[in-house]
Amino acid sequence: MTRPILQMLAALVSSAIFGLGLALSGMLDPARVQGFLDVTGAWDPSLAFVLGGAVTVMFLGLRLIGRLKRPAFDVRFHLPENRAIDRRLVLGSALFGIGWGIGGFCPGPAVAVLSLGLVEPLVFVFFMLAGMILHDRLFVRRPRGEGNLPA
Protein backbone atom coordinates (compact mmCIF):
# COMPACT_ATOMS: atom_id res chain seq x y z
CA MET A 1 0.00 0.00 0.00
CA THR A 2 1.12 3.54 -0.63
CA ARG A 3 1.95 5.93 2.20
CA PRO A 4 -1.14 8.21 1.74
CA ILE A 5 -3.49 5.22 1.87
CA LEU A 6 -1.76 3.93 5.02
CA GLN A 7 -2.01 7.42 6.56
CA MET A 8 -5.74 7.59 5.83
CA LEU A 9 -6.27 4.07 7.18
CA ALA A 10 -4.34 4.91 10.36
CA ALA A 11 -6.42 8.09 10.77
CA LEU A 12 -9.64 6.14 10.26
CA VAL A 13 -8.71 3.46 12.81
CA SER A 14 -7.50 6.08 15.32
CA SER A 15 -10.70 8.08 14.90
CA ALA A 16 -12.86 4.99 15.33
CA ILE A 17 -11.02 4.05 18.53
CA PHE A 18 -11.38 7.65 19.79
CA GLY A 19 -15.11 7.69 19.01
CA LEU A 20 -15.61 4.30 20.65
CA GLY A 21 -13.81 5.55 23.75
CA LEU A 22 -16.01 8.65 23.88
CA ALA A 23 -19.14 6.52 23.54
CA LEU A 24 -18.07 3.97 26.18
CA SER A 25 -17.10 6.70 28.66
CA GLY A 26 -20.41 8.53 28.23
CA MET A 27 -18.75 11.69 26.94
CA LEU A 28 -21.21 11.95 24.04
CA ASP A 29 -23.86 13.00 26.58
CA PRO A 30 -23.80 16.80 27.10
CA ALA A 31 -25.54 16.36 30.46
CA ARG A 32 -22.53 14.43 31.77
CA VAL A 33 -20.14 17.17 30.68
CA GLN A 34 -22.34 19.90 32.15
CA GLY A 35 -22.63 17.81 35.33
CA PHE A 36 -18.85 17.87 35.63
CA LEU A 37 -18.81 21.65 35.23
CA ASP A 38 -21.56 22.12 37.85
CA VAL A 39 -19.29 22.11 40.91
CA THR A 40 -21.88 23.77 43.16
CA GLY A 41 -24.74 21.38 42.30
CA ALA A 42 -24.93 17.71 41.39
CA TRP A 43 -21.26 17.39 40.44
CA ASP A 44 -20.35 14.38 38.26
CA PRO A 45 -16.60 13.59 38.59
CA SER A 46 -16.54 10.94 35.82
CA LEU A 47 -15.06 13.37 33.27
CA ALA A 48 -12.02 13.80 35.53
CA PHE A 49 -11.28 10.06 35.17
CA VAL A 50 -11.67 10.23 31.39
CA LEU A 51 -9.35 13.26 31.33
CA GLY A 52 -6.84 11.47 33.55
CA GLY A 53 -6.81 8.49 31.21
CA ALA A 54 -6.34 10.72 28.17
CA VAL A 55 -3.47 12.63 29.79
CA THR A 56 -1.79 9.36 30.75
CA VAL A 57 -2.04 7.95 27.22
CA MET A 58 -0.75 11.22 25.73
CA PHE A 59 2.15 11.36 28.21
CA LEU A 60 3.20 7.82 27.29
CA GLY A 61 2.77 8.58 23.57
CA LEU A 62 5.03 11.62 23.79
CA ARG A 63 7.67 9.54 25.60
CA LEU A 64 7.47 6.96 22.79
CA ILE A 65 7.85 9.66 20.12
CA GLY A 66 11.11 10.70 21.75
CA ARG A 67 12.51 7.22 21.13
CA LEU A 68 11.43 6.86 17.50
CA LYS A 69 13.26 8.24 14.47
CA ARG A 70 10.05 8.88 12.51
CA PRO A 71 6.39 7.87 12.52
CA ALA A 72 5.26 4.70 10.79
CA PHE A 73 3.32 6.44 7.99
CA ASP A 74 5.04 9.82 7.53
CA VAL A 75 8.52 11.22 7.06
CA ARG A 76 8.54 13.24 10.32
CA PHE A 77 6.53 13.97 13.44
CA HIS A 78 4.34 17.09 13.28
CA LEU A 79 4.57 18.50 16.79
CA PRO A 80 3.77 22.08 17.87
CA GLU A 81 6.80 24.34 17.80
CA ASN A 82 5.30 27.37 19.55
CA ARG A 83 5.31 26.91 23.32
CA ALA A 84 4.44 30.50 24.27
CA ILE A 85 1.44 31.17 26.47
CA ASP A 86 0.16 34.37 24.89
CA ARG A 87 -3.09 36.34 24.76
CA ARG A 88 -4.40 34.45 21.73
CA LEU A 89 -3.88 31.08 23.44
CA VAL A 90 -5.59 32.22 26.65
CA LEU A 91 -8.54 33.82 24.79
CA GLY A 92 -8.94 30.79 22.53
CA SER A 93 -8.90 28.45 25.53
CA ALA A 94 -11.50 30.60 27.29
CA LEU A 95 -13.75 30.59 24.21
CA PHE A 96 -13.37 26.82 23.94
CA GLY A 97 -14.32 26.38 27.59
CA ILE A 98 -17.31 28.72 27.35
CA GLY A 99 -18.60 26.93 24.26
CA TRP A 100 -18.03 23.58 25.92
CA GLY A 101 -19.88 24.66 29.05
CA ILE A 102 -22.83 26.16 27.18
CA GLY A 103 -23.21 23.45 24.55
CA GLY A 104 -21.98 20.47 26.53
CA PHE A 105 -19.86 19.41 23.56
CA CYS A 106 -16.26 19.81 22.53
CA PRO A 107 -15.37 19.17 18.87
CA GLY A 108 -14.59 15.43 19.03
CA PRO A 109 -17.75 14.32 20.83
CA ALA A 110 -19.87 16.79 18.81
CA VAL A 111 -18.76 15.22 15.53
CA ALA A 112 -19.13 11.70 16.94
CA VAL A 113 -22.68 12.32 18.17
CA LEU A 114 -23.75 13.62 14.74
CA SER A 115 -24.32 9.97 13.86
CA LEU A 116 -27.29 9.90 16.25
CA GLY A 117 -29.21 12.36 14.06
CA LEU A 118 -29.98 14.83 16.85
CA VAL A 119 -30.54 18.53 16.14
CA GLU A 120 -28.46 19.96 19.03
CA PRO A 121 -25.09 18.57 17.90
CA LEU A 122 -25.87 19.58 14.32
CA VAL A 123 -26.41 23.19 15.43
CA PHE A 124 -23.26 23.05 17.57
CA VAL A 125 -21.11 21.68 14.73
CA PHE A 126 -22.54 24.24 12.28
CA PHE A 127 -21.58 27.14 14.54
CA MET A 128 -18.25 25.53 15.41
CA LEU A 129 -17.36 25.30 11.71
CA ALA A 130 -18.63 28.86 11.11
CA GLY A 131 -16.35 30.05 13.92
CA MET A 132 -13.38 28.17 12.47
CA ILE A 133 -13.96 29.68 9.03
CA LEU A 134 -14.43 33.16 10.50
CA HIS A 135 -11.21 32.81 12.48
CA ASP A 136 -9.37 31.55 9.41
CA ARG A 137 -10.58 34.49 7.31
CA LEU A 138 -9.96 37.20 9.93
CA PHE A 139 -6.94 36.13 11.93
CA VAL A 140 -4.74 33.63 10.07
CA ARG A 141 -1.90 35.37 8.29
CA ARG A 142 -0.59 33.82 5.09
CA PRO A 143 2.25 34.81 2.81
CA ARG A 144 1.11 36.93 -0.14
CA GLY A 145 -0.43 34.80 -2.86
CA GLU A 146 -1.85 32.15 -0.48
CA GLY A 147 -5.49 32.24 0.56
CA ASN A 148 -7.81 35.23 0.35
CA LEU A 149 -6.09 37.71 2.65
CA PRO A 150 -3.30 40.15 1.83
CA ALA A 151 -0.10 39.71 3.82
C-alpha atoms as a PDB file:
ATOM      1  CA  MET A   1       0.000   0.000   0.000  1.00  0.00           C
ATOM      2  CA  THR A   2       1.124   3.540  -0.633  1.00  0.00           C
ATOM      3  CA  ARG A   3       1.947   5.933   2.201  1.00  0.00           C
ATOM      4  CA  PRO A   4      -1.140   8.212   1.742  1.00  0.00           C
ATOM      5  CA  ILE A   5      -3.486   5.215   1.875  1.00  0.00           C
ATOM      6  CA  LEU A   6      -1.764   3.931   5.018  1.00  0.00           C
ATOM      7  CA  GLN A   7      -2.010   7.416   6.564  1.00  0.00           C
ATOM      8  CA  MET A   8      -5.741   7.588   5.827  1.00  0.00           C
ATOM      9  CA  LEU A   9      -6.269   4.069   7.185  1.00  0.00           C
ATOM     10  CA  ALA A  10      -4.345   4.906  10.362  1.00  0.00           C
ATOM     11  CA  ALA A  11      -6.418   8.090  10.772  1.00  0.00           C
ATOM     12  CA  LEU A  12      -9.645   6.137  10.265  1.00  0.00           C
ATOM     13  CA  VAL A  13      -8.710   3.464  12.805  1.00  0.00           C
ATOM     14  CA  SER A  14      -7.501   6.080  15.319  1.00  0.00           C
ATOM     15  CA  SER A  15     -10.704   8.083  14.902  1.00  0.00           C
ATOM     16  CA  ALA A  16     -12.864   4.992  15.333  1.00  0.00           C
ATOM     17  CA  ILE A  17     -11.024   4.053  18.535  1.00  0.00           C
ATOM     18  CA  PHE A  18     -11.375   7.653  19.793  1.00  0.00           C
ATOM     19  CA  GLY A  19     -15.111   7.692  19.008  1.00  0.00           C
ATOM     20  CA  LEU A  20     -15.613   4.299  20.655  1.00  0.00           C
ATOM     21  CA  GLY A  21     -13.807   5.552  23.749  1.00  0.00           C
ATOM     22  CA  LEU A  22     -16.013   8.651  23.875  1.00  0.00           C
ATOM     23  CA  ALA A  23     -19.140   6.521  23.540  1.00  0.00           C
ATOM     24  CA  LEU A  24     -18.074   3.965  26.179  1.00  0.00           C
ATOM     25  CA  SER A  25     -17.096   6.697  28.656  1.00  0.00           C
ATOM     26  CA  GLY A  26     -20.410   8.528  28.230  1.00  0.00           C
ATOM     27  CA  MET A  27     -18.749  11.688  26.940  1.00  0.00           C
ATOM     28  CA  LEU A  28     -21.209  11.951  24.044  1.00  0.00           C
ATOM     29  CA  ASP A  29     -23.859  13.002  26.581  1.00  0.00           C
ATOM     30  CA  PRO A  30     -23.800  16.802  27.101  1.00  0.00           C
ATOM     31  CA  ALA A  31     -25.538  16.359  30.464  1.00  0.00           C
ATOM     32  CA  ARG A  32     -22.532  14.426  31.774  1.00  0.00           C
ATOM     33  CA  VAL A  33     -20.137  17.167  30.681  1.00  0.00           C
ATOM     34  CA  GLN A  34     -22.339  19.899  32.155  1.00  0.00           C
ATOM     35  CA  GLY A  35     -22.630  17.814  35.334  1.00  0.00           C
ATOM     36  CA  PHE A  36     -18.847  17.875  35.631  1.00  0.00           C
ATOM     37  CA  LEU A  37     -18.806  21.655  35.230  1.00  0.00           C
ATOM     38  CA  ASP A  38     -21.561  22.116  37.852  1.00  0.00           C
ATOM     39  CA  VAL A  39     -19.285  22.110  40.908  1.00  0.00           C
ATOM     40  CA  THR A  40     -21.880  23.770  43.159  1.00  0.00           C
ATOM     41  CA  GLY A  41     -24.738  21.383  42.298  1.00  0.00           C
ATOM     42  CA  ALA A  42     -24.926  17.708  41.386  1.00  0.00           C
ATOM     43  CA  TRP A  43     -21.256  17.395  40.443  1.00  0.00           C
ATOM     44  CA  ASP A  44     -20.352  14.379  38.259  1.00  0.00           C
ATOM     45  CA  PRO A  45     -16.601  13.590  38.594  1.00  0.00           C
ATOM     46  CA  SER A  46     -16.543  10.940  35.819  1.00  0.00           C
ATOM     47  CA  LEU A  47     -15.061  13.371  33.274  1.00  0.00           C
ATOM     48  CA  ALA A  48     -12.016  13.799  35.531  1.00  0.00           C
ATOM     49  CA  PHE A  49     -11.280  10.065  35.169  1.00  0.00           C
ATOM     50  CA  VAL A  50     -11.669  10.234  31.390  1.00  0.00           C
ATOM     51  CA  LEU A  51      -9.354  13.264  31.326  1.00  0.00           C
ATOM     52  CA  GLY A  52      -6.842  11.468  33.553  1.00  0.00           C
ATOM     53  CA  GLY A  53      -6.813   8.487  31.209  1.00  0.00           C
ATOM     54  CA  ALA A  54      -6.343  10.721  28.170  1.00  0.00           C
ATOM     55  CA  VAL A  55      -3.474  12.630  29.791  1.00  0.00           C
ATOM     56  CA  THR A  56      -1.793   9.355  30.752  1.00  0.00           C
ATOM     57  CA  VAL A  57      -2.038   7.952  27.216  1.00  0.00           C
ATOM     58  CA  MET A  58      -0.746  11.216  25.733  1.00  0.00           C
ATOM     59  CA  PHE A  59       2.147  11.361  28.212  1.00  0.00           C
ATOM     60  CA  LEU A  60       3.196   7.825  27.289  1.00  0.00           C
ATOM     61  CA  GLY A  61       2.767   8.577  23.569  1.00  0.00           C
ATOM     62  CA  LEU A  62       5.032  11.618  23.787  1.00  0.00           C
ATOM     63  CA  ARG A  63       7.667   9.543  25.604  1.00  0.00           C
ATOM     64  CA  LEU A  64       7.474   6.963  22.794  1.00  0.00           C
ATOM     65  CA  ILE A  65       7.845   9.665  20.117  1.00  0.00           C
ATOM     66  CA  GLY A  66      11.114  10.703  21.750  1.00  0.00           C
ATOM     67  CA  ARG A  67      12.515   7.221  21.129  1.00  0.00           C
ATOM     68  CA  LEU A  68      11.432   6.862  17.502  1.00  0.00           C
ATOM     69  CA  LYS A  69      13.257   8.242  14.468  1.00  0.00           C
ATOM     70  CA  ARG A  70      10.047   8.882  12.510  1.00  0.00           C
ATOM     71  CA  PRO A  71       6.395   7.874  12.525  1.00  0.00           C
ATOM     72  CA  ALA A  72       5.262   4.701  10.786  1.00  0.00           C
ATOM     73  CA  PHE A  73       3.321   6.440   7.990  1.00  0.00           C
ATOM     74  CA  ASP A  74       5.041   9.822   7.531  1.00  0.00           C
ATOM     75  CA  VAL A  75       8.519  11.217   7.057  1.00  0.00           C
ATOM     76  CA  ARG A  76       8.544  13.235  10.318  1.00  0.00           C
ATOM     77  CA  PHE A  77       6.529  13.966  13.443  1.00  0.00           C
ATOM     78  CA  HIS A  78       4.340  17.085  13.277  1.00  0.00           C
ATOM     79  CA  LEU A  79       4.569  18.498  16.793  1.00  0.00           C
ATOM     80  CA  PRO A  80       3.770  22.078  17.868  1.00  0.00           C
ATOM     81  CA  GLU A  81       6.797  24.343  17.797  1.00  0.00           C
ATOM     82  CA  ASN A  82       5.303  27.367  19.554  1.00  0.00           C
ATOM     83  CA  ARG A  83       5.308  26.912  23.322  1.00  0.00           C
ATOM     84  CA  ALA A  84       4.441  30.495  24.268  1.00  0.00           C
ATOM     85  CA  ILE A  85       1.436  31.174  26.472  1.00  0.00           C
ATOM     86  CA  ASP A  86       0.156  34.368  24.888  1.00  0.00           C
ATOM     87  CA  ARG A  87      -3.086  36.341  24.764  1.00  0.00           C
ATOM     88  CA  ARG A  88      -4.401  34.446  21.725  1.00  0.00           C
ATOM     89  CA  LEU A  89      -3.883  31.081  23.444  1.00  0.00           C
ATOM     90  CA  VAL A  90      -5.595  32.217  26.654  1.00  0.00           C
ATOM     91  CA  LEU A  91      -8.535  33.820  24.794  1.00  0.00           C
ATOM     92  CA  GLY A  92      -8.936  30.786  22.532  1.00  0.00           C
ATOM     93  CA  SER A  93      -8.902  28.454  25.533  1.00  0.00           C
ATOM     94  CA  ALA A  94     -11.500  30.599  27.289  1.00  0.00           C
ATOM     95  CA  LEU A  95     -13.749  30.587  24.211  1.00  0.00           C
ATOM     96  CA  PHE A  96     -13.371  26.820  23.938  1.00  0.00           C
ATOM     97  CA  GLY A  97     -14.317  26.383  27.587  1.00  0.00           C
ATOM     98  CA  ILE A  98     -17.307  28.725  27.349  1.00  0.00           C
ATOM     99  CA  GLY A  99     -18.601  26.925  24.256  1.00  0.00           C
ATOM    100  CA  TRP A 100     -18.032  23.581  25.923  1.00  0.00           C
ATOM    101  CA  GLY A 101     -19.879  24.660  29.053  1.00  0.00           C
ATOM    102  CA  ILE A 102     -22.827  26.161  27.178  1.00  0.00           C
ATOM    103  CA  GLY A 103     -23.213  23.453  24.547  1.00  0.00           C
ATOM    104  CA  GLY A 104     -21.982  20.474  26.534  1.00  0.00           C
ATOM    105  CA  PHE A 105     -19.860  19.410  23.557  1.00  0.00           C
ATOM    106  CA  CYS A 106     -16.257  19.808  22.526  1.00  0.00           C
ATOM    107  CA  PRO A 107     -15.368  19.165  18.866  1.00  0.00           C
ATOM    108  CA  GLY A 108     -14.587  15.431  19.031  1.00  0.00           C
ATOM    109  CA  PRO A 109     -17.754  14.320  20.825  1.00  0.00           C
ATOM    110  CA  ALA A 110     -19.873  16.785  18.805  1.00  0.00           C
ATOM    111  CA  VAL A 111     -18.757  15.224  15.526  1.00  0.00           C
ATOM    112  CA  ALA A 112     -19.126  11.702  16.938  1.00  0.00           C
ATOM    113  CA  VAL A 113     -22.683  12.316  18.168  1.00  0.00           C
ATOM    114  CA  LEU A 114     -23.752  13.617  14.743  1.00  0.00           C
ATOM    115  CA  SER A 115     -24.323   9.972  13.858  1.00  0.00           C
ATOM    116  CA  LEU A 116     -27.289   9.902  16.248  1.00  0.00           C
ATOM    117  CA  GLY A 117     -29.208  12.359  14.056  1.00  0.00           C
ATOM    118  CA  LEU A 118     -29.982  14.829  16.853  1.00  0.00           C
ATOM    119  CA  VAL A 119     -30.536  18.530  16.137  1.00  0.00           C
ATOM    120  CA  GLU A 120     -28.460  19.958  19.028  1.00  0.00           C
ATOM    121  CA  PRO A 121     -25.085  18.571  17.901  1.00  0.00           C
ATOM    122  CA  LEU A 122     -25.875  19.577  14.322  1.00  0.00           C
ATOM    123  CA  VAL A 123     -26.411  23.190  15.426  1.00  0.00           C
ATOM    124  CA  PHE A 124     -23.262  23.047  17.571  1.00  0.00           C
ATOM    125  CA  VAL A 125     -21.115  21.682  14.732  1.00  0.00           C
ATOM    126  CA  PHE A 126     -22.543  24.235  12.281  1.00  0.00           C
ATOM    127  CA  PHE A 127     -21.580  27.145  14.539  1.00  0.00           C
ATOM    128  CA  MET A 128     -18.247  25.526  15.409  1.00  0.00           C
ATOM    129  CA  LEU A 129     -17.365  25.299  11.712  1.00  0.00           C
ATOM    130  CA  ALA A 130     -18.628  28.859  11.111  1.00  0.00           C
ATOM    131  CA  GLY A 131     -16.348  30.052  13.925  1.00  0.00           C
ATOM    132  CA  MET A 132     -13.384  28.167  12.466  1.00  0.00           C
ATOM    133  CA  ILE A 133     -13.962  29.676   9.028  1.00  0.00           C
ATOM    134  CA  LEU A 134     -14.431  33.162  10.502  1.00  0.00           C
ATOM    135  CA  HIS A 135     -11.208  32.813  12.479  1.00  0.00           C
ATOM    136  CA  ASP A 136      -9.366  31.554   9.410  1.00  0.00           C
ATOM    137  CA  ARG A 137     -10.576  34.494   7.311  1.00  0.00           C
ATOM    138  CA  LEU A 138      -9.957  37.199   9.925  1.00  0.00           C
ATOM    139  CA  PHE A 139      -6.937  36.128  11.934  1.00  0.00           C
ATOM    140  CA  VAL A 140      -4.743  33.635  10.066  1.00  0.00           C
ATOM    141  CA  ARG A 141      -1.901  35.371   8.293  1.00  0.00           C
ATOM    142  CA  ARG A 142      -0.595  33.824   5.087  1.00  0.00           C
ATOM    143  CA  PRO A 143       2.246  34.805   2.814  1.00  0.00           C
ATOM    144  CA  ARG A 144       1.111  36.933  -0.140  1.00  0.00           C
ATOM    145  CA  GLY A 145      -0.434  34.799  -2.864  1.00  0.00           C
ATOM    146  CA  GLU A 146      -1.853  32.153  -0.484  1.00  0.00           C
ATOM    147  CA  GLY A 147      -5.491  32.240   0.564  1.00  0.00           C
ATOM    148  CA  ASN A 148      -7.806  35.234   0.349  1.00  0.00           C
ATOM    149  CA  LEU A 149      -6.085  37.706   2.648  1.00  0.00           C
ATOM    150  CA  PRO A 150      -3.299  40.151   1.835  1.00  0.00           C
ATOM    151  CA  ALA A 151      -0.101  39.708   3.823  1.00  0.00           C
END
